Amino acid sequence: MLNLPRITYLLLWLINSRYKAPHELSNMSHTEQESPMDALKRHFAQRVTNQVRTLINRWRIVCEHPLTTEVLVDLIQATEKLCAQAQKFNAELQLEQGQIIHPYL
């Protein structure tokens, strides 16, 4: 059975610990000149952030509609994709959080 309060807490934790791109860690605007490596890291950070948003949207569906197998499978796939993207782009915190959420599903 889904532990709804625990998963909700973990998703809120995930929202608040969004992966920071290099330009977000300094005072540099992403429109200022940045190295190609920093631009690539910013792109990867955006992909991880977008996957977090996708997972949160799937969770809203779970909270607003009856839980079906299809909805649960979709939520599990979104969590697995978050883990894959976080691992691919070295977003350790988001990877850890995805791995914590997954067993609750």
N, C-alpha and C. Protein backbone atom coordinates (compact mmCIF):
# COMPACT_ATOMS: atom_id res chain seq x y z
N MET A 1 0.84 -1.19 0.00
CA MET A 1 0.00 0.00 0.00
C MET A 1 0.88 1.25 0.00
N LEU A 2 0.43 2.25 -0.70
CA LEU A 2 1.19 3.50 -0.79
C LEU A 2 1.19 4.23 0.55
N ASN A 3 2.34 4.73 0.92
CA ASN A 3 2.47 5.54 2.12
C ASN A 3 2.36 6.99 1.67
N LEU A 4 1.14 7.49 1.50
CA LEU A 4 0.91 8.81 0.92
C LEU A 4 1.59 9.94 1.67
N PRO A 5 1.51 10.02 2.99
CA PRO A 5 2.18 11.12 3.68
C PRO A 5 3.70 11.09 3.48
N ARG A 6 4.29 9.91 3.50
CA ARG A 6 5.75 9.80 3.35
C ARG A 6 6.17 10.22 1.94
N ILE A 7 5.46 9.76 0.92
CA ILE A 7 5.80 10.11 -0.45
C ILE A 7 5.61 11.60 -0.67
N THR A 8 4.56 12.18 -0.13
CA THR A 8 4.33 13.62 -0.26
C THR A 8 5.48 14.39 0.38
N TYR A 9 5.90 13.97 1.56
CA TYR A 9 7.02 14.61 2.24
C TYR A 9 8.29 14.53 1.38
N LEU A 10 8.56 13.36 0.83
CA LEU A 10 9.76 13.18 0.02
C LEU A 10 9.71 14.02 -1.25
N LEU A 11 8.53 14.16 -1.85
CA LEU A 11 8.41 15.00 -3.05
C LEU A 11 8.61 16.47 -2.72
N LEU A 12 8.12 16.90 -1.57
CA LEU A 12 8.36 18.28 -1.16
C LEU A 12 9.85 18.52 -0.91
N TRP A 13 10.50 17.55 -0.34
CA TRP A 13 11.94 17.61 -0.13
C TRP A 13 12.66 17.71 -1.47
N LEU A 14 12.19 16.95 -2.45
CA LEU A 14 12.77 16.97 -3.78
C LEU A 14 12.60 18.33 -4.44
N ILE A 15 11.44 18.93 -4.28
CA ILE A 15 11.19 20.25 -4.86
C ILE A 15 12.15 21.28 -4.27
N ASN A 16 12.32 21.24 -2.98
CA ASN A 16 13.14 22.25 -2.29
C ASN A 16 14.63 22.06 -2.49
N SER A 17 15.05 20.92 -2.98
CA SER A 17 16.48 20.68 -3.16
C SER A 17 16.83 20.57 -4.64
N ARG A 18 16.18 21.37 -5.43
CA ARG A 18 16.38 21.36 -6.87
C ARG A 18 17.86 21.45 -7.23
N TYR A 19 18.25 20.69 -8.23
CA TYR A 19 19.64 20.69 -8.70
C TYR A 19 20.02 22.08 -9.15
N LYS A 20 21.15 22.57 -8.69
CA LYS A 20 21.61 23.92 -9.02
C LYS A 20 22.63 23.87 -10.15
N ALA A 21 22.36 24.62 -11.19
CA ALA A 21 23.32 24.75 -12.28
C ALA A 21 24.45 25.65 -11.81
N PRO A 22 25.62 25.56 -12.44
CA PRO A 22 26.76 26.37 -12.01
C PRO A 22 26.46 27.86 -11.95
N HIS A 23 25.69 28.39 -12.90
CA HIS A 23 25.42 29.83 -12.88
C HIS A 23 24.51 30.22 -11.72
N GLU A 24 23.76 29.25 -11.18
CA GLU A 24 22.90 29.54 -10.04
C GLU A 24 23.69 29.59 -8.74
N LEU A 25 24.87 29.01 -8.74
CA LEU A 25 25.69 28.98 -7.54
C LEU A 25 26.55 30.24 -7.41
N SER A 26 26.61 31.02 -8.45
CA SER A 26 27.37 32.27 -8.41
C SER A 26 26.44 33.41 -8.79
N ASN A 27 27.00 34.58 -8.93
CA ASN A 27 26.21 35.74 -9.33
C ASN A 27 26.14 35.88 -10.84
N MET A 28 26.70 34.95 -11.58
CA MET A 28 26.73 35.03 -13.03
C MET A 28 25.38 34.68 -13.62
N SER A 29 24.91 35.48 -14.53
CA SER A 29 23.68 35.19 -15.25
C SER A 29 24.00 34.19 -16.36
N HIS A 30 23.05 33.31 -16.66
CA HIS A 30 23.32 32.35 -17.74
C HIS A 30 23.42 33.02 -19.10
N THR A 31 22.97 34.28 -19.21
CA THR A 31 23.08 34.99 -20.47
C THR A 31 24.46 35.61 -20.64
N GLU A 32 25.20 35.72 -19.54
CA GLU A 32 26.58 36.20 -19.64
C GLU A 32 27.41 35.09 -20.26
N GLN A 33 28.60 35.44 -20.64
CA GLN A 33 29.47 34.43 -21.25
C GLN A 33 29.76 33.34 -20.25
N GLU A 34 29.61 32.11 -20.72
CA GLU A 34 29.92 30.96 -19.89
C GLU A 34 30.67 29.95 -20.74
N SER A 35 31.41 29.13 -20.10
CA SER A 35 32.17 28.13 -20.84
C SER A 35 31.21 27.11 -21.44
N PRO A 36 31.62 26.41 -22.48
CA PRO A 36 30.77 25.36 -23.05
C PRO A 36 30.42 24.28 -22.01
N MET A 37 31.36 24.02 -21.11
CA MET A 37 31.11 23.02 -20.06
C MET A 37 30.00 23.48 -19.12
N ASP A 38 30.03 24.77 -18.74
CA ASP A 38 28.99 25.30 -17.87
C ASP A 38 27.64 25.31 -18.57
N ALA A 39 27.63 25.62 -19.86
CA ALA A 39 26.38 25.60 -20.63
C ALA A 39 25.81 24.18 -20.67
N LEU A 40 26.68 23.20 -20.82
CA LEU A 40 26.24 21.82 -20.84
C LEU A 40 25.70 21.40 -19.48
N LYS A 41 26.39 21.80 -18.41
CA LYS A 41 25.91 21.50 -17.07
C LYS A 41 24.56 22.15 -16.80
N ARG A 42 24.38 23.37 -17.30
CA ARG A 42 23.09 24.06 -17.13
C ARG A 42 21.99 23.30 -17.85
N HIS A 43 22.32 22.82 -19.05
CA HIS A 43 21.34 22.03 -19.82
C HIS A 43 20.97 20.76 -19.05
N PHE A 44 21.96 20.07 -18.49
CA PHE A 44 21.69 18.85 -17.73
C PHE A 44 20.87 19.15 -16.49
N ALA A 45 21.18 20.25 -15.82
CA ALA A 45 20.42 20.63 -14.63
C ALA A 45 18.96 20.88 -14.99
N GLN A 46 18.73 21.49 -16.14
CA GLN A 46 17.36 21.75 -16.58
C GLN A 46 16.62 20.45 -16.86
N ARG A 47 17.30 19.46 -17.42
CA ARG A 47 16.66 18.17 -17.70
C ARG A 47 16.25 17.47 -16.40
N VAL A 48 17.13 17.50 -15.41
CA VAL A 48 16.81 16.88 -14.12
C VAL A 48 15.64 17.62 -13.47
N THR A 49 15.67 18.95 -13.52
CA THR A 49 14.59 19.75 -12.94
C THR A 49 13.26 19.45 -13.64
N ASN A 50 13.29 19.32 -14.95
CA ASN A 50 12.06 19.00 -15.69
C ASN A 50 11.53 17.62 -15.30
N GLN A 51 12.41 16.68 -15.05
CA GLN A 51 11.95 15.35 -14.63
C GLN A 51 11.36 15.40 -13.23
N VAL A 52 11.89 16.23 -12.36
CA VAL A 52 11.30 16.42 -11.03
C VAL A 52 9.87 16.96 -11.20
N ARG A 53 9.70 17.94 -12.07
CA ARG A 53 8.36 18.49 -12.32
C ARG A 53 7.41 17.42 -12.85
N THR A 54 7.90 16.58 -13.75
CA THR A 54 7.08 15.49 -14.29
C THR A 54 6.62 14.56 -13.18
N LEU A 55 7.55 14.20 -12.30
CA LEU A 55 7.21 13.31 -11.19
C LEU A 55 6.18 13.96 -10.27
N ILE A 56 6.32 15.23 -10.01
CA ILE A 56 5.37 15.93 -9.14
C ILE A 56 4.00 15.99 -9.80
N ASN A 57 3.95 16.23 -11.10
CA ASN A 57 2.66 16.23 -11.81
C ASN A 57 1.99 14.86 -11.75
N ARG A 58 2.80 13.80 -11.88
CA ARG A 58 2.23 12.44 -11.76
C ARG A 58 1.67 12.23 -10.36
N TRP A 59 2.37 12.77 -9.35
CA TRP A 59 1.90 12.62 -7.97
C TRP A 59 0.58 13.35 -7.77
N ARG A 60 0.42 14.50 -8.39
CA ARG A 60 -0.85 15.23 -8.30
C ARG A 60 -2.00 14.39 -8.85
N ILE A 61 -1.74 13.66 -9.92
CA ILE A 61 -2.77 12.79 -10.49
C ILE A 61 -3.16 11.73 -9.47
N VAL A 62 -2.17 11.17 -8.78
CA VAL A 62 -2.44 10.15 -7.76
C VAL A 62 -3.30 10.74 -6.65
N CYS A 63 -3.02 11.97 -6.26
CA CYS A 63 -3.75 12.60 -5.15
C CYS A 63 -5.15 13.04 -5.54
N GLU A 64 -5.37 13.35 -6.81
CA GLU A 64 -6.66 13.90 -7.24
C GLU A 64 -7.61 12.88 -7.83
N HIS A 65 -7.12 11.73 -8.23
CA HIS A 65 -7.95 10.73 -8.90
C HIS A 65 -7.80 9.38 -8.22
N PRO A 66 -8.73 8.49 -8.47
CA PRO A 66 -8.60 7.15 -7.90
C PRO A 66 -7.32 6.48 -8.41
N LEU A 67 -6.70 5.74 -7.53
CA LEU A 67 -5.45 5.07 -7.87
C LEU A 67 -5.76 3.84 -8.72
N THR A 68 -5.20 3.82 -9.92
CA THR A 68 -5.34 2.66 -10.80
C THR A 68 -3.95 2.10 -11.07
N THR A 69 -3.91 0.93 -11.62
CA THR A 69 -2.64 0.32 -11.96
C THR A 69 -1.89 1.17 -12.97
N GLU A 70 -2.61 1.71 -13.93
CA GLU A 70 -1.99 2.55 -14.96
C GLU A 70 -1.34 3.80 -14.35
N VAL A 71 -2.02 4.43 -13.42
CA VAL A 71 -1.49 5.63 -12.77
C VAL A 71 -0.26 5.26 -11.94
N LEU A 72 -0.32 4.16 -11.22
CA LEU A 72 0.80 3.73 -10.40
C LEU A 72 2.01 3.38 -11.26
N VAL A 73 1.79 2.69 -12.36
CA VAL A 73 2.88 2.36 -13.28
C VAL A 73 3.51 3.63 -13.83
N ASP A 74 2.69 4.60 -14.18
CA ASP A 74 3.19 5.87 -14.69
C ASP A 74 4.05 6.58 -13.64
N LEU A 75 3.61 6.55 -12.39
CA LEU A 75 4.37 7.16 -11.30
C LEU A 75 5.71 6.45 -11.08
N ILE A 76 5.70 5.15 -11.13
CA ILE A 76 6.93 4.36 -10.98
C ILE A 76 7.89 4.66 -12.12
N GLN A 77 7.37 4.74 -13.35
CA GLN A 77 8.23 5.04 -14.50
C GLN A 77 8.82 6.45 -14.40
N ALA A 78 8.04 7.40 -13.93
CA ALA A 78 8.55 8.77 -13.77
C ALA A 78 9.66 8.80 -12.72
N THR A 79 9.50 8.03 -11.65
CA THR A 79 10.53 7.96 -10.61
C THR A 79 11.80 7.31 -11.15
N GLU A 80 11.63 6.24 -11.91
CA GLU A 80 12.79 5.56 -12.49
C GLU A 80 13.52 6.46 -13.49
N LYS A 81 12.76 7.24 -14.26
CA LYS A 81 13.38 8.15 -15.21
C LYS A 81 14.14 9.26 -14.47
N LEU A 82 13.57 9.75 -13.36
CA LEU A 82 14.28 10.74 -12.56
C LEU A 82 15.61 10.16 -12.08
N CYS A 83 15.58 8.95 -11.57
CA CYS A 83 16.82 8.31 -11.09
C CYS A 83 17.84 8.17 -12.23
N ALA A 84 17.37 7.76 -13.39
CA ALA A 84 18.27 7.58 -14.53
C ALA A 84 18.89 8.91 -14.96
N GLN A 85 18.06 9.95 -15.05
CA GLN A 85 18.58 11.26 -15.46
C GLN A 85 19.51 11.83 -14.40
N ALA A 86 19.14 11.69 -13.15
CA ALA A 86 19.99 12.21 -12.07
C ALA A 86 21.33 11.50 -12.05
N GLN A 87 21.32 10.20 -12.29
CA GLN A 87 22.57 9.45 -12.32
C GLN A 87 23.40 9.86 -13.54
N LYS A 88 22.76 9.99 -14.67
CA LYS A 88 23.45 10.36 -15.90
C LYS A 88 24.12 11.73 -15.79
N PHE A 89 23.44 12.66 -15.10
CA PHE A 89 23.92 14.03 -15.03
C PHE A 89 24.54 14.38 -13.68
N ASN A 90 24.88 13.34 -12.89
CA ASN A 90 25.59 13.53 -11.61
C ASN A 90 24.84 14.43 -10.63
N ALA A 91 23.54 14.29 -10.56
CA ALA A 91 22.74 15.03 -9.58
C ALA A 91 22.50 14.07 -8.40
N GLU A 92 23.51 13.97 -7.54
CA GLU A 92 23.51 12.96 -6.49
C GLU A 92 22.30 13.05 -5.55
N LEU A 93 21.96 14.27 -5.15
CA LEU A 93 20.86 14.44 -4.20
C LEU A 93 19.54 13.96 -4.81
N GLN A 94 19.27 14.33 -6.06
CA GLN A 94 18.03 13.91 -6.71
C GLN A 94 18.02 12.40 -6.94
N LEU A 95 19.19 11.83 -7.24
CA LEU A 95 19.28 10.38 -7.38
C LEU A 95 18.94 9.70 -6.06
N GLU A 96 19.51 10.20 -4.98
CA GLU A 96 19.24 9.63 -3.66
C GLU A 96 17.75 9.73 -3.33
N GLN A 97 17.16 10.88 -3.61
CA GLN A 97 15.74 11.07 -3.29
C GLN A 97 14.86 10.16 -4.14
N GLY A 98 15.18 10.02 -5.41
CA GLY A 98 14.42 9.10 -6.26
C GLY A 98 14.51 7.67 -5.77
N GLN A 99 15.71 7.29 -5.32
CA GLN A 99 15.89 5.94 -4.79
C GLN A 99 15.16 5.73 -3.47
N ILE A 100 14.98 6.80 -2.70
CA ILE A 100 14.21 6.68 -1.46
C ILE A 100 12.72 6.56 -1.77
N ILE A 101 12.25 7.33 -2.74
CA ILE A 101 10.82 7.32 -3.10
C ILE A 101 10.41 5.99 -3.73
N HIS A 102 11.24 5.44 -4.60
CA HIS A 102 10.87 4.27 -5.39
C HIS A 102 10.34 3.09 -4.56
N PRO A 103 11.00 2.70 -3.46
CA PRO A 103 10.48 1.55 -2.69
C PRO A 103 9.08 1.79 -2.10
N TYR A 104 8.72 3.05 -1.88
CA TYR A 104 7.40 3.33 -1.32
C TYR A 104 6.29 3.09 -2.33
N LEU A 105 6.64 2.99 -3.59
CA LEU A 105 5.63 2.78 -4.61
C LEU A 105 5.39 1.30 -4.80
